[in-house]
Protein backbone atom coordinates (compact mmCIF):
# COMPACT_ATOMS: atom_id res chain seq x y z
CA MET A 1 -4.47 -5.95 -10.96
CA SER A 2 -3.61 -9.27 -11.90
CA ASN A 3 -6.60 -11.93 -12.18
CA LEU A 4 -4.66 -14.14 -9.76
CA LYS A 5 -4.45 -11.30 -7.28
CA GLN A 6 -8.34 -10.51 -7.86
CA GLN A 7 -9.13 -14.17 -6.99
CA ILE A 8 -7.36 -13.94 -3.92
CA THR A 9 -8.99 -11.00 -2.72
CA GLU A 10 -12.48 -12.59 -3.51
CA HIS A 11 -11.28 -15.82 -1.55
CA MET A 12 -10.25 -13.48 1.21
CA LYS A 13 -13.85 -11.97 1.45
CA GLU A 14 -15.48 -15.56 1.20
CA SER A 15 -13.31 -16.71 4.13
CA MET A 16 -14.51 -13.72 6.02
CA ARG A 17 -18.31 -14.58 5.61
CA ALA A 18 -17.36 -18.48 6.43
CA LYS A 19 -15.47 -17.58 9.36
CA ASP A 20 -12.62 -19.67 8.42
CA LYS A 21 -9.68 -18.22 10.48
CA VAL A 22 -6.92 -20.47 9.27
CA ARG A 23 -7.96 -19.72 5.51
CA LEU A 24 -8.39 -15.86 6.10
CA GLY A 25 -5.21 -15.41 8.11
CA THR A 26 -3.12 -17.04 5.53
CA ILE A 27 -4.92 -15.20 2.69
CA ARG A 28 -4.07 -11.75 4.41
CA LEU A 29 -0.53 -12.84 4.64
CA ILE A 30 -0.52 -13.65 0.91
CA LEU A 31 -2.18 -9.96 0.17
CA SER A 32 0.30 -8.34 2.59
CA ASP A 33 3.36 -9.66 0.79
CA LEU A 34 1.95 -9.02 -2.46
CA ASN A 35 0.96 -5.39 -1.60
CA ARG A 36 4.69 -5.00 0.12
CA ILE A 37 6.19 -6.22 -3.36
CA GLU A 38 4.17 -3.52 -5.12
CA VAL A 39 4.99 -0.86 -3.11
CA ASP A 40 8.59 -1.42 -2.60
CA GLU A 41 9.31 -2.00 -6.28
CA ARG A 42 6.50 0.48 -7.34
CA ILE A 43 5.08 -1.76 -9.83
CA GLU A 44 1.49 -3.46 -10.31
CA LEU A 45 1.92 -7.28 -10.11
CA ASP A 46 1.00 -9.61 -13.13
CA ASP A 47 0.47 -13.01 -12.67
CA ASP A 48 3.69 -14.49 -13.24
CA ARG A 49 5.06 -12.27 -10.39
CA VAL A 50 2.27 -13.23 -8.38
CA LEU A 51 3.01 -17.08 -8.87
CA ALA A 52 6.64 -16.35 -7.99
CA ALA A 53 5.84 -14.82 -4.90
CA LEU A 54 3.33 -17.79 -4.01
CA ASP A 55 6.27 -20.02 -4.88
CA LYS A 56 8.41 -18.28 -2.62
CA MET A 57 6.14 -18.36 0.22
CA ALA A 58 5.34 -22.10 -0.29
CA LYS A 59 9.36 -22.90 0.00
CA GLN A 60 9.41 -21.12 3.09
CA ARG A 61 6.55 -23.04 4.69
CA ARG A 62 8.11 -26.40 3.52
CA ASP A 63 11.52 -25.34 5.13
CA SER A 64 9.84 -24.22 8.28
CA ILE A 65 7.82 -27.37 8.84
CA THR A 66 11.17 -29.39 8.07
CA GLN A 67 12.92 -27.28 11.08
CA TYR A 68 9.72 -27.11 13.46
CA LEU A 69 9.74 -31.35 12.97
CA ALA A 70 13.42 -31.42 13.76
CA ALA A 71 12.90 -29.20 16.71
CA GLU A 72 10.03 -31.33 17.68
CA ARG A 73 7.44 -28.72 17.49
CA PRO A 74 4.61 -30.56 15.68
CA GLU A 75 2.23 -27.84 16.63
CA LEU A 76 4.02 -25.24 14.91
CA ALA A 77 4.88 -27.52 11.95
CA ASP A 78 1.06 -28.23 11.66
CA LYS A 79 0.18 -24.17 11.40
CA GLU A 80 2.66 -24.20 8.67
CA GLN A 81 1.34 -27.07 6.90
CA GLN A 82 -2.09 -25.62 7.19
CA GLU A 83 -0.98 -22.19 5.43
CA LEU A 84 0.98 -24.23 3.18
CA GLU A 85 -2.45 -26.20 1.74
CA VAL A 86 -3.87 -22.62 1.33
CA ILE A 87 -1.04 -21.41 -0.76
CA LYS A 88 -1.03 -24.20 -2.87
CA THR A 89 -4.62 -23.73 -3.89
CA TYR A 90 -3.24 -20.82 -5.81
CA LEU A 91 -0.49 -22.56 -7.42
CA PRO A 92 -0.95 -24.58 -10.71
CA GLN A 93 -0.96 -28.33 -10.87
CA PRO A 94 2.71 -29.43 -9.89
CA LEU A 95 4.79 -31.11 -12.97
CA SER A 96 5.63 -34.74 -13.06
CA ASP A 97 9.40 -35.67 -13.49
CA THR A 98 8.61 -36.72 -17.01
CA ASP A 99 7.38 -33.33 -17.70
CA ILE A 100 10.23 -31.55 -16.13
CA ASP A 101 12.72 -33.61 -17.84
CA GLN A 102 10.99 -32.90 -21.24
CA ILE A 103 11.45 -29.10 -20.43
CA ILE A 104 15.14 -29.66 -19.41
CA ASP A 105 15.84 -31.37 -22.73
CA GLU A 106 14.11 -28.81 -24.75
CA ALA A 107 16.38 -26.14 -22.91
CA ILE A 108 19.46 -27.98 -23.18
CA GLN A 109 18.72 -28.48 -27.14
CA ALA A 110 17.85 -24.67 -27.51
CA THR A 111 21.00 -23.67 -25.83
CA GLY A 112 23.23 -26.29 -27.19
CA ALA A 113 24.41 -26.94 -23.76
CA THR A 114 27.30 -29.59 -23.19
CA GLY A 115 28.32 -29.28 -19.70
CA MET A 116 28.00 -27.39 -16.37
CA GLN A 117 29.44 -24.31 -17.70
CA GLN A 118 26.22 -23.80 -19.46
CA MET A 119 23.95 -24.74 -16.53
CA GLY A 120 22.85 -20.88 -15.82
CA GLN A 121 21.80 -20.69 -19.56
CA VAL A 122 19.42 -23.97 -19.30
CA MET A 123 18.32 -22.76 -16.01
CA ALA A 124 17.27 -19.32 -17.55
CA LEU A 125 14.96 -21.22 -19.98
CA VAL A 126 13.79 -23.82 -17.64
CA LYS A 127 12.54 -21.64 -14.69
CA PRO A 128 9.90 -19.53 -16.28
CA ARG A 129 8.11 -22.66 -17.37
CA VAL A 130 8.28 -24.49 -14.00
CA GLN A 131 7.83 -21.52 -11.85
CA GLY A 132 5.19 -22.63 -9.37
CA ARG A 133 4.87 -25.93 -10.79
CA ALA A 134 7.99 -27.57 -9.56
CA GLU A 135 10.29 -27.05 -6.68
CA MET A 136 13.46 -25.39 -8.07
CA GLY A 137 16.06 -27.26 -6.03
CA HIS A 138 14.53 -30.29 -7.27
CA VAL A 139 14.60 -29.04 -10.94
CA SER A 140 18.38 -27.89 -10.62
CA ALA A 141 19.39 -31.39 -9.39
CA ARG A 142 17.54 -32.83 -12.49
CA VAL A 143 19.57 -30.14 -14.82
CA LYS A 144 22.81 -31.00 -13.20
CA ALA A 145 22.17 -34.93 -13.84
CA ARG A 146 21.41 -34.09 -17.32
CA LEU A 147 24.45 -32.04 -18.14
């Protein structure tokens, strides 16, 4: 079992003892999704894959919040925001724009990219380094601006 998944499992037990329903419910959703991935793909998740799953869950929550606010459903947006805050506790510290630009510059130099045709090659090097630490849409836009 990955260290991160083990840590999440321990936090679930702590949340049960503390009777923290919001945190407990969110952690159960996280573990359910991780178990689903393990069963579907017949693998045992490592920390990188757990981070990728958590990053995806965080993105889903951000999208839901936007949609609920547009539909004037603040109570549902608040619930999603609470879940997002719990998920964020397991993600590494977000990267600053300066850090993201530095990673992009290194990837551009490594690939020798000169235009948009090589964006896929640049993103292939950038993505593993920023996974869970930056929103991929934001990173993609910065790569486009650089190329």
